[in-house]
Amino acid sequence: MDIQKVVIIGILFIICGLCFYNAINNEFNYKMINVNEVQIKVPYSNVSVINQTDHFSTYEDLENGIKIYVFDDDETTLNDVKEMFNFLTVRDINQMEVILIEDKKFSYNYSSSLNEYTYLNNSNNKNIFVVTKNKENMLNILKSMKINTTVDNVNDNYQEKIIQKTIKYHSTFF
């Protein structure tokens, strides 16, 4: 009887140890990145954030199938018009035939034709667009996302806002 108790306790101890090891090891497989004042935890890779301009930054990890674009439309200038259109183009291409997925805490999209998950948000003039092929990566990104400024409510009309700013800086749109 005592041997059975010792064996059961030993097995439980080994299971707890393996769970703890897995949790710690899994945490080391991620890194925090800062994409235009938006902090996000992503799977570890050698990829780094590229600052296209002061207002537009990208993170494209092709190995893990993650692309993150952040365009800060606050105080943009004529020099940022190209980046605005780049952001809009990437967003529009990856939003074809999407269906809304509402998780317990998060809402994001899935495109069966592209087989990818997307997330789109505007908070404090930060237009955030995330694309990934893996649902778990999407959920991990959404759980870890922190915007370094005070978070406003989602602005549903952010596209119109970007277009208005573009028109403001480019006279040929009048």
C-alpha atoms as a PDB file:
ATOM      1  CA  MET A   1       0.000   0.000   0.000  1.00  0.00           C
ATOM      2  CA  ASP A   2       2.798   2.449   0.859  1.00  0.00           C
ATOM      3  CA  ILE A   3       4.568   1.651  -2.420  1.00  0.00           C
ATOM      4  CA  GLN A   4       1.415   2.491  -4.386  1.00  0.00           C
ATOM      5  CA  LYS A   5       1.138   5.862  -2.624  1.00  0.00           C
ATOM      6  CA  VAL A   6       4.795   6.624  -3.322  1.00  0.00           C
ATOM      7  CA  VAL A   7       4.391   5.651  -6.996  1.00  0.00           C
ATOM      8  CA  ILE A   8       1.233   7.790  -7.365  1.00  0.00           C
ATOM      9  CA  ILE A   9       2.894  10.760  -5.657  1.00  0.00           C
ATOM     10  CA  GLY A  10       5.974  10.267  -7.866  1.00  0.00           C
ATOM     11  CA  ILE A  11       3.865  10.169 -11.026  1.00  0.00           C
ATOM     12  CA  LEU A  12       1.981  13.303  -9.969  1.00  0.00           C
ATOM     13  CA  PHE A  13       5.284  15.013  -9.194  1.00  0.00           C
ATOM     14  CA  ILE A  14       6.657  14.100 -12.638  1.00  0.00           C
ATOM     15  CA  ILE A  15       3.471  15.323 -14.362  1.00  0.00           C
ATOM     16  CA  CYS A  16       3.603  18.642 -12.469  1.00  0.00           C
ATOM     17  CA  GLY A  17       7.273  19.006 -13.319  1.00  0.00           C
ATOM     18  CA  LEU A  18       6.644  18.367 -17.007  1.00  0.00           C
ATOM     19  CA  CYS A  19       3.791  20.901 -17.053  1.00  0.00           C
ATOM     20  CA  PHE A  20       6.007  23.508 -15.344  1.00  0.00           C
ATOM     21  CA  TYR A  21       8.881  22.786 -17.752  1.00  0.00           C
ATOM     22  CA  ASN A  22       6.556  23.086 -20.752  1.00  0.00           C
ATOM     23  CA  ALA A  23       5.157  26.404 -19.497  1.00  0.00           C
ATOM     24  CA  ILE A  24       8.644  27.841 -18.954  1.00  0.00           C
ATOM     25  CA  ASN A  25      10.003  26.454 -22.231  1.00  0.00           C
ATOM     26  CA  ASN A  26       6.995  27.779 -24.146  1.00  0.00           C
ATOM     27  CA  GLU A  27       7.529  31.260 -22.660  1.00  0.00           C
ATOM     28  CA  PHE A  28      11.117  31.290 -23.965  1.00  0.00           C
ATOM     29  CA  ASN A  29       9.849  30.637 -27.482  1.00  0.00           C
ATOM     30  CA  TYR A  30       8.263  34.105 -27.596  1.00  0.00           C
ATOM     31  CA  LYS A  31       9.624  37.629 -27.705  1.00  0.00           C
ATOM     32  CA  MET A  32       8.077  41.085 -27.279  1.00  0.00           C
ATOM     33  CA  ILE A  33       8.287  43.437 -30.230  1.00  0.00           C
ATOM     34  CA  ASN A  34       7.370  47.107 -30.468  1.00  0.00           C
ATOM     35  CA  VAL A  35       5.664  48.062 -33.728  1.00  0.00           C
ATOM     36  CA  ASN A  36       5.072  51.821 -33.732  1.00  0.00           C
ATOM     37  CA  GLU A  37       4.287  51.980 -29.991  1.00  0.00           C
ATOM     38  CA  VAL A  38       2.233  48.768 -30.058  1.00  0.00           C
ATOM     39  CA  GLN A  39       3.791  45.977 -28.013  1.00  0.00           C
ATOM     40  CA  ILE A  40       3.054  42.437 -29.181  1.00  0.00           C
ATOM     41  CA  LYS A  41       4.330  39.016 -28.130  1.00  0.00           C
ATOM     42  CA  VAL A  42       5.266  36.891 -31.163  1.00  0.00           C
ATOM     43  CA  PRO A  43       6.997  33.530 -31.654  1.00  0.00           C
ATOM     44  CA  TYR A  44      10.758  33.878 -31.426  1.00  0.00           C
ATOM     45  CA  SER A  45      12.543  34.466 -34.740  1.00  0.00           C
ATOM     46  CA  ASN A  46      15.413  36.531 -36.117  1.00  0.00           C
ATOM     47  CA  VAL A  47      12.969  38.925 -37.789  1.00  0.00           C
ATOM     48  CA  SER A  48      12.885  42.501 -36.568  1.00  0.00           C
ATOM     49  CA  VAL A  49      10.509  45.419 -36.967  1.00  0.00           C
ATOM     50  CA  ILE A  50      11.132  47.638 -39.989  1.00  0.00           C
ATOM     51  CA  ASN A  51      10.308  51.316 -39.640  1.00  0.00           C
ATOM     52  CA  GLN A  52       9.301  52.417 -43.125  1.00  0.00           C
ATOM     53  CA  THR A  53       8.743  55.996 -41.920  1.00  0.00           C
ATOM     54  CA  ASP A  54       8.076  57.674 -38.593  1.00  0.00           C
ATOM     55  CA  HIS A  55       4.424  56.657 -38.999  1.00  0.00           C
ATOM     56  CA  PHE A  56       4.489  53.245 -40.704  1.00  0.00           C
ATOM     57  CA  SER A  57       6.157  50.100 -39.336  1.00  0.00           C
ATOM     58  CA  THR A  58       6.000  46.468 -40.395  1.00  0.00           C
ATOM     59  CA  TYR A  59       6.883  43.079 -38.961  1.00  0.00           C
ATOM     60  CA  GLU A  60       6.895  40.205 -41.445  1.00  0.00           C
ATOM     61  CA  ASP A  61       7.871  36.808 -40.054  1.00  0.00           C
ATOM     62  CA  LEU A  62       7.430  34.464 -43.006  1.00  0.00           C
ATOM     63  CA  GLU A  63       8.726  31.430 -41.072  1.00  0.00           C
ATOM     64  CA  ASN A  64       5.877  31.676 -38.540  1.00  0.00           C
ATOM     65  CA  GLY A  65       3.409  33.168 -41.029  1.00  0.00           C
ATOM     66  CA  ILE A  66       2.872  36.449 -39.147  1.00  0.00           C
ATOM     67  CA  LYS A  67       2.608  39.920 -40.661  1.00  0.00           C
ATOM     68  CA  ILE A  68       1.913  43.001 -38.553  1.00  0.00           C
ATOM     69  CA  TYR A  69       1.413  46.490 -39.974  1.00  0.00           C
ATOM     70  CA  VAL A  70       0.936  49.594 -37.854  1.00  0.00           C
ATOM     71  CA  PHE A  71       0.256  52.969 -39.374  1.00  0.00           C
ATOM     72  CA  ASP A  72       0.072  55.924 -36.995  1.00  0.00           C
ATOM     73  CA  ASP A  73      -1.999  58.541 -38.779  1.00  0.00           C
ATOM     74  CA  ASP A  74      -1.463  61.213 -36.136  1.00  0.00           C
ATOM     75  CA  GLU A  75       0.501  64.195 -37.472  1.00  0.00           C
ATOM     76  CA  THR A  76       1.131  62.594 -40.848  1.00  0.00           C
ATOM     77  CA  THR A  77       2.612  64.616 -43.674  1.00  0.00           C
ATOM     78  CA  LEU A  78       2.655  64.489 -47.440  1.00  0.00           C
ATOM     79  CA  ASN A  79       5.648  62.146 -47.196  1.00  0.00           C
ATOM     80  CA  ASP A  80       3.399  59.572 -45.520  1.00  0.00           C
ATOM     81  CA  VAL A  81       0.781  59.388 -48.301  1.00  0.00           C
ATOM     82  CA  LYS A  82       2.574  56.476 -49.992  1.00  0.00           C
ATOM     83  CA  GLU A  83       2.663  54.553 -46.706  1.00  0.00           C
ATOM     84  CA  MET A  84      -1.037  55.249 -46.131  1.00  0.00           C
ATOM     85  CA  PHE A  85      -1.842  53.676 -49.474  1.00  0.00           C
ATOM     86  CA  ASN A  86       0.535  50.774 -48.795  1.00  0.00           C
ATOM     87  CA  PHE A  87      -1.300  50.098 -45.553  1.00  0.00           C
ATOM     88  CA  LEU A  88      -4.710  50.323 -47.248  1.00  0.00           C
ATOM     89  CA  THR A  89      -3.613  48.066 -50.102  1.00  0.00           C
ATOM     90  CA  VAL A  90      -2.227  45.360 -47.822  1.00  0.00           C
ATOM     91  CA  ARG A  91      -5.333  45.579 -45.679  1.00  0.00           C
ATOM     92  CA  ASP A  92      -7.742  45.339 -48.609  1.00  0.00           C
ATOM     93  CA  ILE A  93      -5.929  42.433 -50.285  1.00  0.00           C
ATOM     94  CA  ASN A  94      -5.984  40.407 -47.073  1.00  0.00           C
ATOM     95  CA  GLN A  95      -9.614  41.138 -46.217  1.00  0.00           C
ATOM     96  CA  MET A  96     -11.176  39.321 -49.171  1.00  0.00           C
ATOM     97  CA  GLU A  97     -14.179  37.137 -48.344  1.00  0.00           C
ATOM     98  CA  VAL A  98     -13.638  37.265 -44.600  1.00  0.00           C
ATOM     99  CA  ILE A  99     -16.009  36.003 -41.955  1.00  0.00           C
ATOM    100  CA  LEU A 100     -16.096  37.431 -38.457  1.00  0.00           C
ATOM    101  CA  ILE A 101     -14.972  35.132 -35.661  1.00  0.00           C
ATOM    102  CA  GLU A 102     -15.993  36.161 -32.174  1.00  0.00           C
ATOM    103  CA  ASP A 103     -14.024  34.493 -29.435  1.00  0.00           C
ATOM    104  CA  LYS A 104     -14.834  35.006 -25.757  1.00  0.00           C
ATOM    105  CA  LYS A 105     -12.585  38.083 -25.559  1.00  0.00           C
ATOM    106  CA  PHE A 106     -11.599  38.882 -29.133  1.00  0.00           C
ATOM    107  CA  SER A 107     -13.068  39.459 -32.572  1.00  0.00           C
ATOM    108  CA  TYR A 108     -11.030  38.781 -35.684  1.00  0.00           C
ATOM    109  CA  ASN A 109     -11.608  37.604 -39.243  1.00  0.00           C
ATOM    110  CA  TYR A 110     -10.964  34.436 -41.230  1.00  0.00           C
ATOM    111  CA  SER A 111     -10.611  34.238 -44.999  1.00  0.00           C
ATOM    112  CA  SER A 112     -11.151  30.734 -46.361  1.00  0.00           C
ATOM    113  CA  SER A 113      -9.944  31.770 -49.821  1.00  0.00           C
ATOM    114  CA  LEU A 114      -6.612  32.977 -48.393  1.00  0.00           C
ATOM    115  CA  ASN A 115      -6.614  30.551 -45.434  1.00  0.00           C
ATOM    116  CA  GLU A 116      -5.556  33.251 -42.994  1.00  0.00           C
ATOM    117  CA  TYR A 117      -6.741  35.072 -39.910  1.00  0.00           C
ATOM    118  CA  THR A 118      -6.756  38.855 -39.787  1.00  0.00           C
ATOM    119  CA  TYR A 119      -7.262  41.474 -37.109  1.00  0.00           C
ATOM    120  CA  LEU A 120      -7.961  45.116 -37.813  1.00  0.00           C
ATOM    121  CA  ASN A 121      -8.194  47.902 -35.256  1.00  0.00           C
ATOM    122  CA  ASN A 122      -7.733  51.628 -34.861  1.00  0.00           C
ATOM    123  CA  SER A 123      -6.856  52.894 -31.436  1.00  0.00           C
ATOM    124  CA  ASN A 124      -5.526  56.387 -30.758  1.00  0.00           C
ATOM    125  CA  ASN A 125      -4.751  56.902 -34.442  1.00  0.00           C
ATOM    126  CA  LYS A 126      -2.812  53.637 -34.563  1.00  0.00           C
ATOM    127  CA  ASN A 127      -4.146  51.522 -37.413  1.00  0.00           C
ATOM    128  CA  ILE A 128      -3.186  47.953 -36.528  1.00  0.00           C
ATOM    129  CA  PHE A 129      -3.468  45.128 -39.024  1.00  0.00           C
ATOM    130  CA  VAL A 130      -2.362  41.567 -38.163  1.00  0.00           C
ATOM    131  CA  VAL A 131      -2.292  38.663 -40.623  1.00  0.00           C
ATOM    132  CA  THR A 132      -1.440  35.075 -39.695  1.00  0.00           C
ATOM    133  CA  LYS A 133      -2.075  31.579 -40.996  1.00  0.00           C
ATOM    134  CA  ASN A 134      -2.277  30.135 -37.483  1.00  0.00           C
ATOM    135  CA  LYS A 135      -5.261  30.697 -35.182  1.00  0.00           C
ATOM    136  CA  GLU A 136      -3.173  30.094 -32.038  1.00  0.00           C
ATOM    137  CA  ASN A 137      -0.685  32.757 -33.128  1.00  0.00           C
ATOM    138  CA  MET A 138      -3.582  35.171 -33.637  1.00  0.00           C
ATOM    139  CA  LEU A 139      -4.969  34.501 -30.156  1.00  0.00           C
ATOM    140  CA  ASN A 140      -1.519  34.852 -28.548  1.00  0.00           C
ATOM    141  CA  ILE A 141      -0.946  38.139 -30.368  1.00  0.00           C
ATOM    142  CA  LEU A 142      -4.332  39.513 -29.335  1.00  0.00           C
ATOM    143  CA  LYS A 143      -3.842  38.454 -25.693  1.00  0.00           C
ATOM    144  CA  SER A 144      -0.452  40.150 -25.493  1.00  0.00           C
ATOM    145  CA  MET A 145      -1.162  43.349 -27.473  1.00  0.00           C
ATOM    146  CA  LYS A 146      -0.560  46.575 -25.555  1.00  0.00           C
ATOM    147  CA  ILE A 147      -0.783  50.040 -27.023  1.00  0.00           C
ATOM    148  CA  ASN A 148       1.629  52.459 -25.347  1.00  0.00           C
ATOM    149  CA  THR A 149      -0.840  55.313 -25.371  1.00  0.00           C
ATOM    150  CA  THR A 150      -4.257  55.709 -23.801  1.00  0.00           C
ATOM    151  CA  VAL A 151      -6.584  53.321 -25.585  1.00  0.00           C
ATOM    152  CA  ASP A 152      -9.686  54.827 -27.167  1.00  0.00           C
ATOM    153  CA  ASN A 153     -12.665  52.889 -28.380  1.00  0.00           C
ATOM    154  CA  VAL A 154     -12.304  51.254 -31.759  1.00  0.00           C
ATOM    155  CA  ASN A 155     -12.927  53.737 -34.543  1.00  0.00           C
ATOM    156  CA  ASP A 156     -15.072  51.937 -37.115  1.00  0.00           C
ATOM    157  CA  ASN A 157     -14.553  54.698 -39.682  1.00  0.00           C
ATOM    158  CA  TYR A 158     -10.767  54.622 -39.688  1.00  0.00           C
ATOM    159  CA  GLN A 159     -10.558  54.135 -43.475  1.00  0.00           C
ATOM    160  CA  GLU A 160     -12.479  57.330 -44.063  1.00  0.00           C
ATOM    161  CA  LYS A 161     -10.227  59.087 -41.567  1.00  0.00           C
ATOM    162  CA  ILE A 162      -7.081  57.970 -43.412  1.00  0.00           C
ATOM    163  CA  ILE A 163      -8.571  58.989 -46.744  1.00  0.00           C
ATOM    164  CA  GLN A 164      -9.543  62.405 -45.357  1.00  0.00           C
ATOM    165  CA  LYS A 165      -5.999  62.936 -44.122  1.00  0.00           C
ATOM    166  CA  THR A 166      -4.657  61.839 -47.494  1.00  0.00           C
ATOM    167  CA  ILE A 167      -6.913  64.296 -49.314  1.00  0.00           C
ATOM    168  CA  LYS A 168      -5.812  67.009 -46.930  1.00  0.00           C
ATOM    169  CA  TYR A 169      -2.183  66.554 -47.982  1.00  0.00           C
ATOM    170  CA  HIS A 170      -2.609  65.822 -51.661  1.00  0.00           C
ATOM    171  CA  SER A 171      -4.362  68.484 -53.749  1.00  0.00           C
ATOM    172  CA  THR A 172      -5.067  66.185 -56.732  1.00  0.00           C
ATOM    173  CA  PHE A 173      -7.771  64.419 -54.688  1.00  0.00           C
ATOM    174  CA  PHE A 174     -10.025  67.513 -54.563  1.00  0.00           C
END
